[in-house]
Amino acid sequence: YGFNCGSTLTVKGSAAHVAGLAAATSTISATVAGLVSAILGFLIEGTICIHRINNGILAGLVSITAGCSVITPECSFVVGLIGGFVYYGSSMLIEKLRIDDVVDASPVHLFCGAWGTL
């Protein structure tokens, strides 16, 4: 979690603002993506799966990493929202295609990373 704000390497002067913004946007995006994953899991599968929530949180973090220091907190909500949908949809796609990805690394890192970079 500290990767995004820790990448500033200092919290002096204007870098403190950058580190704070990175921490805030990362927190918001991760929270929203985790909630989206939980809600989609409940609506589609009828259950709340801890692994989907955890991977949703990771998906939000991966989605926001590319722009965490330049995106506003309001926009990080949208990034996390879409990241949650991207994670859940790509996870279901990988499962439907019968591709073995036990820990959902591809949906989290490949698909959400691509979304976050866009």
PDB file of N, CA and C in Angstrom:
ATOM      1  N   TYR A   1       0.827  -1.192   0.000  1.00  0.00           N
ATOM      2  CA  TYR A   1       0.000   0.000   0.000  1.00  0.00           C
ATOM      3  C   TYR A   1       0.868   1.252   0.000  1.00  0.00           C
ATOM      4  N   GLY A   2       1.978   1.231   0.689  1.00  0.00           N
ATOM      5  CA  GLY A   2       2.843   2.385   0.779  1.00  0.00           C
ATOM      6  C   GLY A   2       3.675   2.635  -0.463  1.00  0.00           C
ATOM      7  N   PHE A   3       3.574   1.749  -1.443  1.00  0.00           N
ATOM      8  CA  PHE A   3       4.377   1.893  -2.655  1.00  0.00           C
ATOM      9  C   PHE A   3       4.117   3.224  -3.348  1.00  0.00           C
ATOM     10  N   ASN A   4       2.845   3.575  -3.521  1.00  0.00           N
ATOM     11  CA  ASN A   4       2.524   4.788  -4.268  1.00  0.00           C
ATOM     12  C   ASN A   4       3.023   6.047  -3.575  1.00  0.00           C
ATOM     13  N   CYS A   5       2.705   6.207  -2.307  1.00  0.00           N
ATOM     14  CA  CYS A   5       3.152   7.429  -1.622  1.00  0.00           C
ATOM     15  C   CYS A   5       4.625   7.340  -1.238  1.00  0.00           C
ATOM     16  N   GLY A   6       5.154   6.153  -1.029  1.00  0.00           N
ATOM     17  CA  GLY A   6       6.562   5.987  -0.696  1.00  0.00           C
ATOM     18  C   GLY A   6       7.483   6.269  -1.861  1.00  0.00           C
ATOM     19  N   SER A   7       6.949   6.241  -3.072  1.00  0.00           N
ATOM     20  CA  SER A   7       7.760   6.494  -4.254  1.00  0.00           C
ATOM     21  C   SER A   7       8.236   7.938  -4.347  1.00  0.00           C
ATOM     22  N   THR A   8       7.661   8.826  -3.553  1.00  0.00           N
ATOM     23  CA  THR A   8       8.127  10.219  -3.557  1.00  0.00           C
ATOM     24  C   THR A   8       9.493  10.336  -2.898  1.00  0.00           C
ATOM     25  N   LEU A   9       9.862   9.370  -2.072  1.00  0.00           N
ATOM     26  CA  LEU A   9      11.152   9.261  -1.386  1.00  0.00           C
ATOM     27  C   LEU A   9      11.388  10.325  -0.309  1.00  0.00           C
ATOM     28  N   THR A  10      10.489  11.268  -0.160  1.00  0.00           N
ATOM     29  CA  THR A  10      10.627  12.277   0.888  1.00  0.00           C
ATOM     30  C   THR A  10       9.257  12.883   1.190  1.00  0.00           C
ATOM     31  N   VAL A  11       9.129  13.487   2.332  1.00  0.00           N
ATOM     32  CA  VAL A  11       7.886  14.183   2.668  1.00  0.00           C
ATOM     33  C   VAL A  11       8.180  15.625   3.085  1.00  0.00           C
ATOM     34  N   LYS A  12       9.203  16.192   2.483  1.00  0.00           N
ATOM     35  CA  LYS A  12       9.553  17.591   2.737  1.00  0.00           C
ATOM     36  C   LYS A  12       9.011  18.470   1.617  1.00  0.00           C
ATOM     37  N   GLY A  13       8.651  19.672   1.960  1.00  0.00           N
ATOM     38  CA  GLY A  13       8.228  20.655   0.967  1.00  0.00           C
ATOM     39  C   GLY A  13       7.049  20.205   0.140  1.00  0.00           C
ATOM     40  N   SER A  14       7.132  20.431  -1.171  1.00  0.00           N
ATOM     41  CA  SER A  14       6.018  20.100  -2.056  1.00  0.00           C
ATOM     42  C   SER A  14       5.844  18.592  -2.224  1.00  0.00           C
ATOM     43  N   ALA A  15       6.878  17.822  -1.935  1.00  0.00           N
ATOM     44  CA  ALA A  15       6.776  16.364  -2.038  1.00  0.00           C
ATOM     45  C   ALA A  15       5.794  15.814  -1.011  1.00  0.00           C
ATOM     46  N   ALA A  16       5.606  16.525   0.097  1.00  0.00           N
ATOM     47  CA  ALA A  16       4.636  16.089   1.107  1.00  0.00           C
ATOM     48  C   ALA A  16       3.229  16.118   0.526  1.00  0.00           C
ATOM     49  N   HIS A  17       2.935  17.119  -0.280  1.00  0.00           N
ATOM     50  CA  HIS A  17       1.621  17.195  -0.925  1.00  0.00           C
ATOM     51  C   HIS A  17       1.446  16.032  -1.906  1.00  0.00           C
ATOM     52  N   VAL A  18       2.480  15.743  -2.663  1.00  0.00           N
ATOM     53  CA  VAL A  18       2.428  14.647  -3.636  1.00  0.00           C
ATOM     54  C   VAL A  18       2.227  13.310  -2.925  1.00  0.00           C
ATOM     55  N   ALA A  19       2.967  13.088  -1.845  1.00  0.00           N
ATOM     56  CA  ALA A  19       2.825  11.843  -1.084  1.00  0.00           C
ATOM     57  C   ALA A  19       1.431  11.731  -0.481  1.00  0.00           C
ATOM     58  N   GLY A  20       0.916  12.828   0.038  1.00  0.00           N
ATOM     59  CA  GLY A  20      -0.429  12.826   0.610  1.00  0.00           C
ATOM     60  C   GLY A  20      -1.497  12.560  -0.428  1.00  0.00           C
ATOM     61  N   LEU A  21      -1.353  13.168  -1.600  1.00  0.00           N
ATOM     62  CA  LEU A  21      -2.302  12.941  -2.685  1.00  0.00           C
ATOM     63  C   LEU A  21      -2.253  11.489  -3.152  1.00  0.00           C
ATOM     64  N   ALA A  22      -1.049  10.952  -3.280  1.00  0.00           N
ATOM     65  CA  ALA A  22      -0.909   9.549  -3.685  1.00  0.00           C
ATOM     66  C   ALA A  22      -1.552   8.616  -2.670  1.00  0.00           C
ATOM     67  N   ALA A  23      -1.382   8.906  -1.381  1.00  0.00           N
ATOM     68  CA  ALA A  23      -1.993   8.078  -0.337  1.00  0.00           C
ATOM     69  C   ALA A  23      -3.515   8.177  -0.382  1.00  0.00           C
ATOM     70  N   ALA A  24      -4.029   9.385  -0.556  1.00  0.00           N
ATOM     71  CA  ALA A  24      -5.484   9.580  -0.583  1.00  0.00           C
ATOM     72  C   ALA A  24      -6.116   8.904  -1.795  1.00  0.00           C
ATOM     73  N   THR A  25      -5.536   9.118  -2.977  1.00  0.00           N
ATOM     74  CA  THR A  25      -6.121   8.524  -4.177  1.00  0.00           C
ATOM     75  C   THR A  25      -6.012   7.000  -4.161  1.00  0.00           C
ATOM     76  N   SER A  26      -4.927   6.480  -3.623  1.00  0.00           N
ATOM     77  CA  SER A  26      -4.768   5.022  -3.519  1.00  0.00           C
ATOM     78  C   SER A  26      -5.807   4.435  -2.578  1.00  0.00           C
ATOM     79  N   THR A  27      -6.037   5.099  -1.459  1.00  0.00           N
ATOM     80  CA  THR A  27      -7.014   4.617  -0.477  1.00  0.00           C
ATOM     81  C   THR A  27      -8.426   4.615  -1.060  1.00  0.00           C
ATOM     82  N   ILE A  28      -8.777   5.693  -1.725  1.00  0.00           N
ATOM     83  CA  ILE A  28     -10.124   5.799  -2.297  1.00  0.00           C
ATOM     84  C   ILE A  28     -10.337   4.758  -3.383  1.00  0.00           C
ATOM     85  N   SER A  29      -9.394   4.640  -4.306  1.00  0.00           N
ATOM     86  CA  SER A  29      -9.528   3.693  -5.407  1.00  0.00           C
ATOM     87  C   SER A  29      -9.613   2.254  -4.900  1.00  0.00           C
ATOM     88  N   ALA A  30      -8.765   1.895  -3.949  1.00  0.00           N
ATOM     89  CA  ALA A  30      -8.772   0.535  -3.400  1.00  0.00           C
ATOM     90  C   ALA A  30     -10.088   0.226  -2.701  1.00  0.00           C
ATOM     91  N   THR A  31     -10.579   1.182  -1.935  1.00  0.00           N
ATOM     92  CA  THR A  31     -11.837   0.976  -1.201  1.00  0.00           C
ATOM     93  C   THR A  31     -13.002   0.782  -2.152  1.00  0.00           C
ATOM     94  N   VAL A  32     -13.094   1.644  -3.145  1.00  0.00           N
ATOM     95  CA  VAL A  32     -14.211   1.557  -4.089  1.00  0.00           C
ATOM     96  C   VAL A  32     -14.154   0.258  -4.893  1.00  0.00           C
ATOM     97  N   ALA A  33     -12.988  -0.112  -5.382  1.00  0.00           N
ATOM     98  CA  ALA A  33     -12.867  -1.354  -6.162  1.00  0.00           C
ATOM     99  C   ALA A  33     -13.193  -2.575  -5.310  1.00  0.00           C
ATOM    100  N   GLY A  34     -12.780  -2.568  -4.056  1.00  0.00           N
ATOM    101  CA  GLY A  34     -13.120  -3.671  -3.156  1.00  0.00           C
ATOM    102  C   GLY A  34     -14.621  -3.769  -2.930  1.00  0.00           C
ATOM    103  N   LEU A  35     -15.269  -2.618  -2.748  1.00  0.00           N
ATOM    104  CA  LEU A  35     -16.724  -2.615  -2.569  1.00  0.00           C
ATOM    105  C   LEU A  35     -17.456  -3.062  -3.832  1.00  0.00           C
ATOM    106  N   VAL A  36     -16.996  -2.611  -4.984  1.00  0.00           N
ATOM    107  CA  VAL A  36     -17.603  -3.025  -6.250  1.00  0.00           C
ATOM    108  C   VAL A  36     -17.491  -4.538  -6.415  1.00  0.00           C
ATOM    109  N   SER A  37     -16.332  -5.086  -6.114  1.00  0.00           N
ATOM    110  CA  SER A  37     -16.132  -6.540  -6.221  1.00  0.00           C
ATOM    111  C   SER A  37     -17.056  -7.295  -5.273  1.00  0.00           C
ATOM    112  N   ALA A  38     -17.205  -6.784  -4.064  1.00  0.00           N
ATOM    113  CA  ALA A  38     -18.088  -7.430  -3.087  1.00  0.00           C
ATOM    114  C   ALA A  38     -19.538  -7.381  -3.553  1.00  0.00           C
ATOM    115  N   ILE A  39     -19.969  -6.237  -4.028  1.00  0.00           N
ATOM    116  CA  ILE A  39     -21.361  -6.075  -4.470  1.00  0.00           C
ATOM    117  C   ILE A  39     -21.642  -6.918  -5.706  1.00  0.00           C
ATOM    118  N   LEU A  40     -20.728  -6.885  -6.687  1.00  0.00           N
ATOM    119  CA  LEU A  40     -20.925  -7.709  -7.881  1.00  0.00           C
ATOM    120  C   LEU A  40     -20.947  -9.196  -7.537  1.00  0.00           C
ATOM    121  N   GLY A  41     -20.054  -9.609  -6.651  1.00  0.00           N
ATOM    122  CA  GLY A  41     -20.040 -11.008  -6.227  1.00  0.00           C
ATOM    123  C   GLY A  41     -21.342 -11.417  -5.576  1.00  0.00           C
ATOM    124  N   PHE A  42     -21.887 -10.535  -4.761  1.00  0.00           N
ATOM    125  CA  PHE A  42     -23.156 -10.837  -4.091  1.00  0.00           C
ATOM    126  C   PHE A  42     -24.306 -10.873  -5.093  1.00  0.00           C
ATOM    127  N   LEU A  43     -24.348  -9.913  -6.010  1.00  0.00           N
ATOM    128  CA  LEU A  43     -25.435  -9.856  -6.982  1.00  0.00           C
ATOM    129  C   LEU A  43     -25.371 -10.980  -8.013  1.00  0.00           C
ATOM    130  N   ILE A  44     -24.170 -11.335  -8.454  1.00  0.00           N
ATOM    131  CA  ILE A  44     -24.027 -12.330  -9.518  1.00  0.00           C
ATOM    132  C   ILE A  44     -23.901 -13.752  -8.974  1.00  0.00           C
ATOM    133  N   GLU A  45     -23.099 -13.925  -7.931  1.00  0.00           N
ATOM    134  CA  GLU A  45     -22.848 -15.268  -7.405  1.00  0.00           C
ATOM    135  C   GLU A  45     -23.684 -15.593  -6.175  1.00  0.00           C
ATOM    136  N   GLY A  46     -24.300 -14.589  -5.584  1.00  0.00           N
ATOM    137  CA  GLY A  46     -25.122 -14.814  -4.404  1.00  0.00           C
ATOM    138  C   GLY A  46     -24.324 -14.982  -3.123  1.00  0.00           C
ATOM    139  N   THR A  47     -23.079 -14.622  -3.159  1.00  0.00           N
ATOM    140  CA  THR A  47     -22.239 -14.760  -1.967  1.00  0.00           C
ATOM    141  C   THR A  47     -21.201 -13.645  -1.941  1.00  0.00           C
ATOM    142  N   ILE A  48     -20.687 -13.390  -0.766  1.00  0.00           N
ATOM    143  CA  ILE A  48     -19.604 -12.424  -0.633  1.00  0.00           C
ATOM    144  C   ILE A  48     -18.322 -13.223  -0.402  1.00  0.00           C
ATOM    145  N   CYS A  49     -17.434 -13.206  -1.382  1.00  0.00           N
ATOM    146  CA  CYS A  49     -16.190 -13.977  -1.315  1.00  0.00           C
ATOM    147  C   CYS A  49     -15.047 -13.067  -0.866  1.00  0.00           C
ATOM    148  N   ILE A  50     -14.352 -13.499   0.158  1.00  0.00           N
ATOM    149  CA  ILE A  50     -13.228 -12.722   0.672  1.00  0.00           C
ATOM    150  C   ILE A  50     -12.136 -12.567  -0.384  1.00  0.00           C
ATOM    151  N   HIS A  51     -11.877 -13.614  -1.159  1.00  0.00           N
ATOM    152  CA  HIS A  51     -10.816 -13.494  -2.165  1.00  0.00           C
ATOM    153  C   HIS A  51     -11.189 -12.478  -3.240  1.00  0.00           C
ATOM    154  N   ARG A  52     -12.454 -12.340  -3.568  1.00  0.00           N
ATOM    155  CA  ARG A  52     -12.870 -11.327  -4.549  1.00  0.00           C
ATOM    156  C   ARG A  52     -12.704  -9.925  -3.965  1.00  0.00           C
ATOM    157  N   ILE A  53     -13.026  -9.760  -2.698  1.00  0.00           N
ATOM    158  CA  ILE A  53     -12.855  -8.454  -2.052  1.00  0.00           C
ATOM    159  C   ILE A  53     -11.376  -8.090  -1.994  1.00  0.00           C
ATOM    160  N   ASN A  54     -10.546  -9.031  -1.544  1.00  0.00           N
ATOM    161  CA  ASN A  54      -9.101  -8.764  -1.470  1.00  0.00           C
ATOM    162  C   ASN A  54      -8.515  -8.436  -2.839  1.00  0.00           C
ATOM    163  N   ASN A  55      -8.882  -9.208  -3.845  1.00  0.00           N
ATOM    164  CA  ASN A  55      -8.374  -8.938  -5.188  1.00  0.00           C
ATOM    165  C   ASN A  55      -8.975  -7.652  -5.748  1.00  0.00           C
ATOM    166  N   GLY A  56     -10.194  -7.320  -5.348  1.00  0.00           N
ATOM    167  CA  GLY A  56     -10.783  -6.047  -5.749  1.00  0.00           C
ATOM    168  C   GLY A  56      -9.990  -4.882  -5.182  1.00  0.00           C
ATOM    169  N   ILE A  57      -9.576  -4.996  -3.934  1.00  0.00           N
ATOM    170  CA  ILE A  57      -8.738  -3.958  -3.316  1.00  0.00           C
ATOM    171  C   ILE A  57      -7.424  -3.828  -4.074  1.00  0.00           C
ATOM    172  N   LEU A  58      -6.792  -4.961  -4.363  1.00  0.00           N
ATOM    173  CA  LEU A  58      -5.548  -4.941  -5.152  1.00  0.00           C
ATOM    174  C   LEU A  58      -5.782  -4.353  -6.542  1.00  0.00           C
ATOM    175  N   ALA A  59      -6.929  -4.689  -7.134  1.00  0.00           N
ATOM    176  CA  ALA A  59      -7.263  -4.158  -8.457  1.00  0.00           C
ATOM    177  C   ALA A  59      -7.375  -2.635  -8.417  1.00  0.00           C
ATOM    178  N   GLY A  60      -7.961  -2.109  -7.363  1.00  0.00           N
ATOM    179  CA  GLY A  60      -8.046  -0.657  -7.213  1.00  0.00           C
ATOM    180  C   GLY A  60      -6.682  -0.019  -7.062  1.00  0.00           C
ATOM    181  N   LEU A  61      -5.801  -0.679  -6.311  1.00  0.00           N
ATOM    182  CA  LEU A  61      -4.439  -0.157  -6.148  1.00  0.00           C
ATOM    183  C   LEU A  61      -3.661  -0.201  -7.451  1.00  0.00           C
ATOM    184  N   VAL A  62      -3.779  -1.296  -8.182  1.00  0.00           N
ATOM    185  CA  VAL A  62      -3.084  -1.414  -9.459  1.00  0.00           C
ATOM    186  C   VAL A  62      -3.646  -0.396 -10.460  1.00  0.00           C
ATOM    187  N   SER A  63      -4.965  -0.213 -10.443  1.00  0.00           N
ATOM    188  CA  SER A  63      -5.604   0.716 -11.375  1.00  0.00           C
ATOM    189  C   SER A  63      -5.149   2.153 -11.168  1.00  0.00           C
ATOM    190  N   ILE A  64      -4.889   2.553  -9.941  1.00  0.00           N
ATOM    191  CA  ILE A  64      -4.571   3.942  -9.635  1.00  0.00           C
ATOM    192  C   ILE A  64      -3.073   4.235  -9.674  1.00  0.00           C
ATOM    193  N   THR A  65      -2.237   3.216  -9.643  1.00  0.00           N
ATOM    194  CA  THR A  65      -0.793   3.420  -9.485  1.00  0.00           C
ATOM    195  C   THR A  65      -0.191   4.352 -10.530  1.00  0.00           C
ATOM    196  N   ALA A  66      -0.564   4.211 -11.785  1.00  0.00           N
ATOM    197  CA  ALA A  66       0.058   5.024 -12.840  1.00  0.00           C
ATOM    198  C   ALA A  66      -0.169   6.519 -12.646  1.00  0.00           C
ATOM    199  N   GLY A  67      -1.319   6.892 -12.129  1.00  0.00           N
ATOM    200  CA  GLY A  67      -1.616   8.320 -12.025  1.00  0.00           C
ATOM    201  C   GLY A  67      -1.937   8.812 -10.630  1.00  0.00           C
ATOM    202  N   CYS A  68      -1.526   8.070  -9.624  1.00  0.00           N
ATOM    203  CA  CYS A  68      -1.949   8.382  -8.256  1.00  0.00           C
ATOM    204  C   CYS A  68      -1.536   9.758  -7.767  1.00  0.00           C
ATOM    205  N   SER A  69      -0.468  10.313  -8.294  1.00  0.00           N
ATOM    206  CA  SER A  69       0.001  11.615  -7.799  1.00  0.00           C
ATOM    207  C   SER A  69      -0.530  12.790  -8.607  1.00  0.00           C
ATOM    208  N   VAL A  70      -1.274  12.518  -9.675  1.00  0.00           N
ATOM    209  CA  VAL A  70      -1.801  13.602 -10.499  1.00  0.00           C
ATOM    210  C   VAL A  70      -3.318  13.571 -10.655  1.00  0.00           C
ATOM    211  N   ILE A  71      -3.951  12.516 -10.200  1.00  0.00           N
ATOM    212  CA  ILE A  71      -5.406  12.384 -10.297  1.00  0.00           C
ATOM    213  C   ILE A  71      -6.037  12.964  -9.036  1.00  0.00           C
ATOM    214  N   THR A  72      -7.154  13.636  -9.195  1.00  0.00           N
ATOM    215  CA  THR A  72      -7.853  14.189  -8.031  1.00  0.00           C
ATOM    216  C   THR A  72      -8.529  13.069  -7.254  1.00  0.00           C
ATOM    217  N   PRO A  73      -8.802  13.281  -5.975  1.00  0.00           N
ATOM    218  CA  PRO A  73      -9.508  12.258  -5.198  1.00  0.00           C
ATOM    219  C   PRO A  73     -10.864  11.875  -5.804  1.00  0.00           C
ATOM    220  N   GLU A  74     -11.557  12.843  -6.386  1.00  0.00           N
ATOM    221  CA  GLU A  74     -12.853  12.538  -7.016  1.00  0.00           C
ATOM    222  C   GLU A  74     -12.673  11.595  -8.203  1.00  0.00           C
ATOM    223  N   CYS A  75     -11.653  11.840  -8.992  1.00  0.00           N
ATOM    224  CA  CYS A  75     -11.392  10.972 -10.144  1.00  0.00           C
ATOM    225  C   CYS A  75     -10.901   9.593  -9.711  1.00  0.00           C
ATOM    226  N   SER A  76     -10.225   9.521  -8.566  1.00  0.00           N
ATOM    227  CA  SER A  76      -9.760   8.217  -8.089  1.00  0.00           C
ATOM    228  C   SER A  76     -10.939   7.324  -7.720  1.00  0.00           C
ATOM    229  N   PHE A  77     -12.051   7.927  -7.345  1.00  0.00           N
ATOM    230  CA  PHE A  77     -13.283   7.165  -7.093  1.00  0.00           C
ATOM    231  C   PHE A  77     -13.720   6.474  -8.383  1.00  0.00           C
ATOM    232  N   VAL A  78     -13.708   7.209  -9.481  1.00  0.00           N
ATOM    233  CA  VAL A  78     -14.108   6.661 -10.779  1.00  0.00           C
ATOM    234  C   VAL A  78     -13.121   5.595 -11.240  1.00  0.00           C
ATOM    235  N   VAL A  79     -11.829   5.843 -11.044  1.00  0.00           N
ATOM    236  CA  VAL A  79     -10.806   4.860 -11.421  1.00  0.00           C
ATOM    237  C   VAL A  79     -11.036   3.554 -10.657  1.00  0.00           C
ATOM    238  N   GLY A  80     -11.306   3.648  -9.360  1.00  0.00           N
ATOM    239  CA  GLY A  80     -11.575   2.457  -8.560  1.00  0.00           C
ATOM    240  C   GLY A  80     -12.865   1.768  -8.957  1.00  0.00           C
ATOM    241  N   LEU A  81     -13.884   2.564  -9.267  1.00  0.00           N
ATOM    242  CA  LEU A  81     -15.168   2.011  -9.685  1.00  0.00           C
ATOM    243  C   LEU A  81     -15.009   1.180 -10.953  1.00  0.00           C
ATOM    244  N   ILE A  82     -14.375   1.763 -11.943  1.00  0.00           N
ATOM    245  CA  ILE A  82     -14.153   1.045 -13.199  1.00  0.00           C
ATOM    246  C   ILE A  82     -13.181  -0.116 -12.988  1.00  0.00           C
ATOM    247  N   GLY A  83     -12.157   0.093 -12.165  1.00  0.00           N
ATOM    248  CA  GLY A  83     -11.213  -0.982 -11.860  1.00  0.00           C
ATOM    249  C   GLY A  83     -11.887  -2.193 -11.235  1.00  0.00           C
ATOM    250  N   GLY A  84     -12.857  -1.954 -10.378  1.00  0.00           N
ATOM    251  CA  GLY A  84     -13.614  -3.057  -9.773  1.00  0.00           C
ATOM    252  C   GLY A  84     -14.381  -3.852 -10.819  1.00  0.00           C
ATOM    253  N   PHE A  85     -14.997  -3.137 -11.757  1.00  0.00           N
ATOM    254  CA  PHE A  85     -15.714  -3.814 -12.843  1.00  0.00           C
ATOM    255  C   PHE A  85     -14.745  -4.553 -13.766  1.00  0.00           C
ATOM    256  N   VAL A  86     -13.626  -3.922 -14.072  1.00  0.00           N
ATOM    257  CA  VAL A  86     -12.619  -4.562 -14.939  1.00  0.00           C
ATOM    258  C   VAL A  86     -12.112  -5.842 -14.275  1.00  0.00           C
ATOM    259  N   TYR A  87     -11.796  -5.758 -12.973  1.00  0.00           N
ATOM    260  CA  TYR A  87     -11.321  -6.957 -12.269  1.00  0.00           C
ATOM    261  C   TYR A  87     -12.367  -8.063 -12.304  1.00  0.00           C
ATOM    262  N   TYR A  88     -13.579  -7.745 -11.905  1.00  0.00           N
ATOM    263  CA  TYR A  88     -14.602  -8.784 -11.793  1.00  0.00           C
ATOM    264  C   TYR A  88     -14.907  -9.400 -13.161  1.00  0.00           C
ATOM    265  N   GLY A  89     -15.058  -8.549 -14.174  1.00  0.00           N
ATOM    266  CA  GLY A  89     -15.354  -9.058 -15.511  1.00  0.00           C
ATOM    267  C   GLY A  89     -14.230  -9.901 -16.081  1.00  0.00           C
ATOM    268  N   SER A  90     -12.998  -9.444 -15.911  1.00  0.00           N
ATOM    269  CA  SER A  90     -11.872 -10.223 -16.450  1.00  0.00           C
ATOM    270  C   SER A  90     -11.660 -11.509 -15.667  1.00  0.00           C
ATOM    271  N   SER A  91     -11.944 -11.486 -14.378  1.00  0.00           N
ATOM    272  CA  SER A  91     -11.846 -12.710 -13.580  1.00  0.00           C
ATOM    273  C   SER A  91     -12.860 -13.748 -14.048  1.00  0.00           C
ATOM    274  N   MET A  92     -14.070 -13.292 -14.314  1.00  0.00           N
ATOM    275  CA  MET A  92     -15.098 -14.211 -14.809  1.00  0.00           C
ATOM    276  C   MET A  92     -14.740 -14.722 -16.209  1.00  0.00           C
ATOM    277  N   LEU A  93     -14.154 -13.851 -17.044  1.00  0.00           N
ATOM    278  CA  LEU A  93     -13.741 -14.254 -18.390  1.00  0.00           C
ATOM    279  C   LEU A  93     -12.656 -15.330 -18.326  1.00  0.00           C
ATOM    280  N   ILE A  94     -11.653 -15.117 -17.495  1.00  0.00           N
ATOM    281  CA  ILE A  94     -10.559 -16.089 -17.341  1.00  0.00           C
ATOM    282  C   ILE A  94     -11.127 -17.434 -16.860  1.00  0.00           C
ATOM    283  N   GLU A  95     -12.075 -17.355 -15.938  1.00  0.00           N
ATOM    284  CA  GLU A  95     -12.704 -18.575 -15.421  1.00  0.00           C
ATOM    285  C   GLU A  95     -13.503 -19.280 -16.514  1.00  0.00           C
ATOM    286  N   LYS A  96     -14.269 -18.506 -17.284  1.00  0.00           N
ATOM    287  CA  LYS A  96     -15.092 -19.084 -18.352  1.00  0.00           C
ATOM    288  C   LYS A  96     -14.224 -19.713 -19.444  1.00  0.00           C
ATOM    289  N   LEU A  97     -13.075 -19.119 -19.723  1.00  0.00           N
ATOM    290  CA  LEU A  97     -12.158 -19.662 -20.727  1.00  0.00           C
ATOM    291  C   LEU A  97     -11.351 -20.841 -20.193  1.00  0.00           C
ATOM    292  N   ARG A  98     -11.562 -21.155 -18.929  1.00  0.00           N
ATOM    293  CA  ARG A  98     -10.906 -22.275 -18.256  1.00  0.00           C
ATOM    294  C   ARG A  98      -9.381 -22.120 -18.240  1.00  0.00           C
ATOM    295  N   ILE A  99      -8.939 -20.886 -18.059  1.00  0.00           N
ATOM    296  CA  ILE A  99      -7.512 -20.609 -17.917  1.00  0.00           C
ATOM    297  C   ILE A  99      -7.182 -20.687 -16.434  1.00  0.00           C
ATOM    298  N   ASP A 100      -6.151 -21.432 -16.115  1.00  0.00           N
ATOM    299  CA  ASP A 100      -5.789 -21.659 -14.723  1.00  0.00           C
ATOM    300  C   ASP A 100      -5.040 -20.458 -14.150  1.00  0.00           C
ATOM    301  N   ASP A 101      -5.730 -19.692 -13.343  1.00  0.00           N
ATOM    302  CA  ASP A 101      -5.137 -18.536 -12.661  1.00  0.00           C
ATOM    303  C   ASP A 101      -5.725 -18.514 -11.252  1.00  0.00           C
ATOM    304  N   VAL A 102      -5.175 -19.343 -10.418  1.00  0.00           N
ATOM    305  CA  VAL A 102      -5.747 -19.609  -9.099  1.00  0.00           C
ATOM    306  C   VAL A 102      -5.891 -18.357  -8.244  1.00  0.00           C
ATOM    307  N   VAL A 103      -4.924 -17.476  -8.295  1.00  0.00           N
ATOM    308  CA  VAL A 103      -4.957 -16.294  -7.428  1.00  0.00           C
ATOM    309  C   VAL A 103      -5.444 -15.037  -8.149  1.00  0.00           C
ATOM    310  N   ASP A 104      -5.960 -15.171  -9.368  1.00  0.00           N
ATOM    311  CA  ASP A 104      -6.466 -14.033 -10.149  1.00  0.00           C
ATOM    312  C   ASP A 104      -5.397 -12.970 -10.398  1.00  0.00           C
ATOM    313  N   ALA A 105      -4.179 -13.399 -10.654  1.00  0.00           N
ATOM    314  CA  ALA A 105      -3.098 -12.447 -10.911  1.00  0.00           C
ATOM    315  C   ALA A 105      -3.294 -11.701 -12.229  1.00  0.00           C
ATOM    316  N   SER A 106      -3.779 -12.391 -13.248  1.00  0.00           N
ATOM    317  CA  SER A 106      -3.981 -11.744 -14.557  1.00  0.00           C
ATOM    318  C   SER A 106      -5.062 -10.674 -14.508  1.00  0.00           C
ATOM    319  N   PRO A 107      -6.236 -10.970 -13.943  1.00  0.00           N
ATOM    320  CA  PRO A 107      -7.243  -9.912 -13.856  1.00  0.00           C
ATOM    321  C   PRO A 107      -6.769  -8.699 -13.044  1.00  0.00           C
ATOM    322  N   VAL A 108      -6.060  -8.945 -11.964  1.00  0.00           N
ATOM    323  CA  VAL A 108      -5.604  -7.842 -11.116  1.00  0.00           C
ATOM    324  C   VAL A 108      -4.504  -7.046 -11.801  1.00  0.00           C
ATOM    325  N   HIS A 109      -3.457  -7.723 -12.248  1.00  0.00           N
ATOM    326  CA  HIS A 109      -2.280  -7.015 -12.730  1.00  0.00           C
ATOM    327  C   HIS A 109      -2.313  -6.693 -14.220  1.00  0.00           C
ATOM    328  N   LEU A 110      -2.742  -7.622 -15.040  1.00  0.00           N
ATOM    329  CA  LEU A 110      -2.762  -7.380 -16.488  1.00  0.00           C
ATOM    330  C   LEU A 110      -3.913  -6.461 -16.874  1.00  0.00           C
ATOM    331  N   PHE A 111      -5.126  -6.897 -16.570  1.00  0.00           N
ATOM    332  CA  PHE A 111      -6.300  -6.146 -17.011  1.00  0.00           C
ATOM    333  C   PHE A 111      -6.449  -4.801 -16.291  1.00  0.00           C
ATOM    334  N   CYS A 112      -6.318  -4.810 -14.975  1.00  0.00           N
ATOM    335  CA  CYS A 112      -6.449  -3.553 -14.225  1.00  0.00           C
ATOM    336  C   CYS A 112      -5.243  -2.656 -14.435  1.00  0.00           C
ATOM    337  N   GLY A 113      -4.072  -3.249 -14.652  1.00  0.00           N
ATOM    338  CA  GLY A 113      -2.895  -2.449 -14.977  1.00  0.00           C
ATOM    339  C   GLY A 113      -3.056  -1.749 -16.306  1.00  0.00           C
ATOM    340  N   ALA A 114      -3.603  -2.451 -17.286  1.00  0.00           N
ATOM    341  CA  ALA A 114      -3.859  -1.845 -18.598  1.00  0.00           C
ATOM    342  C   ALA A 114      -4.891  -0.730 -18.457  1.00  0.00           C
ATOM    343  N   TRP A 115      -5.954  -0.988 -17.704  1.00  0.00           N
ATOM    344  CA  TRP A 115      -6.974   0.045 -17.484  1.00  0.00           C
ATOM    345  C   TRP A 115      -6.365   1.265 -16.795  1.00  0.00           C
ATOM    346  N   GLY A 116      -5.575   1.063 -15.775  1.00  0.00           N
ATOM    347  CA  GLY A 116      -4.983   2.171 -15.045  1.00  0.00           C
ATOM    348  C   GLY A 116      -4.018   2.988 -15.887  1.00  0.00           C
ATOM    349  N   THR A 117      -3.348   2.330 -16.802  1.00  0.00           N
ATOM    350  CA  THR A 117      -2.400   3.023 -17.671  1.00  0.00           C
ATOM    351  C   THR A 117      -3.136   3.891 -18.694  1.00  0.00           C
ATOM    352  N   LEU A 118      -4.286   3.420 -19.120  1.00  0.00           N
ATOM    353  CA  LEU A 118      -5.086   4.213 -20.079  1.00  0.00           C
ATOM    354  C   LEU A 118      -5.570   5.480 -19.427  1.00  0.00           C
TER     355      LEU A 118
END
